[in-house]
Amino acid sequence: MPRHIRKGDTVFVRSGSDKGTTGKVMQVIPDTDRVIVEGVNVRKKNIKPSQANPQGGTVEKEMSIHISKVSPLASDGKPTRVRFEKRADGSKVRLAVRNGEQIGPELKKARK
């Protein structure tokens, strides 16, 4: 199944404790169908003392959420579903169902 979310997309969180927030996708984890979104699902992690950080302590870190819980934002700032389209020149693009506009760069370049 093709991924409707890619690294760098701005997404809207549809469910969970961070429902209604938006953020930028920092990483997509295809093996487990999860994404890490900036400022979403932030948890505190305890860090052991090391040479670099002799005191140890706690650090806040974004944890992953399931890819089905996020939707990309269309140009009008509202969440949308994604449609994939193959153009006549051979390029493949993601389109917003809401308004038909292209989301991000081409997925597959046009044939020469």
Protein backbone atom coordinates (compact mmCIF):
# COMPACT_ATOMS: atom_id res chain seq x y z
CA MET A 1 0.00 0.00 0.00
CA PRO A 2 1.42 3.42 -0.90
CA ARG A 3 2.21 5.86 1.88
CA HIS A 4 -0.04 8.93 1.98
CA ILE A 5 2.40 10.66 4.38
CA ARG A 6 6.01 11.55 3.63
CA LYS A 7 8.83 13.16 5.60
CA GLY A 8 8.43 16.94 5.68
CA ASP A 9 4.63 16.97 5.28
CA THR A 10 2.53 19.10 7.60
CA VAL A 11 -0.11 16.86 9.15
CA PHE A 12 -3.22 17.07 11.35
CA VAL A 13 -3.58 14.58 14.23
CA ARG A 14 -7.06 13.01 14.05
CA SER A 15 -7.16 10.98 17.28
CA GLY A 16 -5.38 10.31 20.54
CA SER A 17 -4.26 12.58 23.35
CA ASP A 18 -2.90 15.15 20.86
CA LYS A 19 -6.08 15.24 18.76
CA GLY A 20 -6.49 18.47 16.80
CA THR A 21 -2.84 19.49 16.73
CA THR A 22 -0.71 19.99 13.65
CA GLY A 23 2.98 19.35 13.14
CA LYS A 24 5.68 18.50 10.66
CA VAL A 25 6.60 14.86 10.00
CA MET A 26 10.20 14.30 11.09
CA GLN A 27 10.43 10.58 10.29
CA VAL A 28 8.35 7.82 8.68
CA ILE A 29 8.87 4.26 9.95
CA PRO A 30 7.49 2.01 7.17
CA ASP A 31 8.10 -1.34 8.93
CA THR A 32 5.58 -0.57 11.67
CA ASP A 33 3.40 2.02 9.80
CA ARG A 34 4.29 4.78 12.25
CA VAL A 35 5.38 8.43 12.01
CA ILE A 36 7.18 10.82 14.34
CA VAL A 37 5.56 14.27 14.30
CA GLU A 38 7.22 17.38 15.73
CA GLY A 39 5.60 18.39 19.04
CA VAL A 40 3.17 15.44 19.14
CA ASN A 41 3.21 12.54 21.63
CA VAL A 42 6.05 14.07 23.67
CA ARG A 43 7.25 11.82 26.49
CA LYS A 44 9.92 12.20 29.18
CA LYS A 45 12.84 9.77 28.96
CA ASN A 46 15.34 9.15 31.75
CA ILE A 47 18.95 9.33 30.54
CA LYS A 48 21.70 7.34 32.27
CA PRO A 49 24.87 9.19 33.21
CA SER A 50 27.54 8.98 30.49
CA GLN A 51 30.79 10.73 29.60
CA ALA A 52 28.93 13.20 27.42
CA ASN A 53 26.30 13.82 30.12
CA PRO A 54 27.80 12.94 33.55
CA GLN A 55 24.71 14.05 35.48
CA GLY A 56 22.19 12.04 33.47
CA GLY A 57 18.68 13.42 33.86
CA THR A 58 15.47 13.56 31.85
CA VAL A 59 14.86 14.65 28.28
CA GLU A 60 11.59 15.24 26.40
CA LYS A 61 11.35 13.25 23.19
CA GLU A 62 8.71 12.83 20.47
CA MET A 63 7.50 9.24 20.23
CA SER A 64 5.88 7.64 17.20
CA ILE A 65 2.15 7.45 16.45
CA HIS A 66 0.34 5.26 13.93
CA ILE A 67 0.19 6.62 10.38
CA SER A 68 -3.60 6.17 10.25
CA LYS A 69 -4.03 8.79 12.99
CA VAL A 70 -2.68 11.64 10.83
CA SER A 71 -3.90 13.37 7.67
CA PRO A 72 -1.94 15.78 5.48
CA LEU A 73 -3.07 19.38 5.34
CA ALA A 74 -4.34 20.85 2.07
CA SER A 75 -3.35 24.35 0.95
CA ASP A 76 -6.37 25.82 2.78
CA GLY A 77 -5.06 24.43 6.09
CA LYS A 78 -7.71 21.73 6.49
CA PRO A 79 -7.01 17.97 6.66
CA THR A 80 -7.61 15.95 3.53
CA ARG A 81 -7.48 12.43 2.20
CA VAL A 82 -4.95 11.58 -0.51
CA ARG A 83 -5.43 10.34 -4.05
CA PHE A 84 -2.58 9.10 -6.23
CA GLU A 85 -2.55 9.98 -9.92
CA LYS A 86 -0.37 8.92 -12.82
CA ARG A 87 -0.03 11.70 -15.38
CA ALA A 88 0.32 11.32 -19.15
CA ASP A 89 4.05 12.15 -19.05
CA GLY A 90 4.65 9.21 -16.69
CA SER A 91 4.98 11.17 -13.45
CA LYS A 92 3.15 10.09 -10.29
CA VAL A 93 1.81 12.66 -7.80
CA ARG A 94 -0.23 12.86 -4.59
CA LEU A 95 -3.41 14.93 -4.83
CA ALA A 96 -5.60 16.34 -2.06
CA VAL A 97 -9.13 14.98 -2.35
CA ARG A 98 -10.50 18.20 -0.82
CA ASN A 99 -9.42 20.54 -3.62
CA GLY A 100 -7.47 18.48 -6.18
CA GLU A 101 -4.18 20.29 -5.60
CA GLN A 102 -0.81 18.52 -5.59
CA ILE A 103 0.70 17.65 -2.21
CA GLY A 104 4.49 17.89 -2.13
CA PRO A 105 6.86 17.08 -4.99
CA GLU A 106 6.36 14.37 -7.61
CA LEU A 107 6.77 10.81 -6.34
CA LYS A 108 8.04 9.53 -9.66
CA LYS A 109 9.69 11.76 -12.25
CA ALA A 110 8.40 12.11 -15.80
CA ARG A 111 9.92 10.01 -18.57
CA LYS A 112 12.21 11.83 -20.97
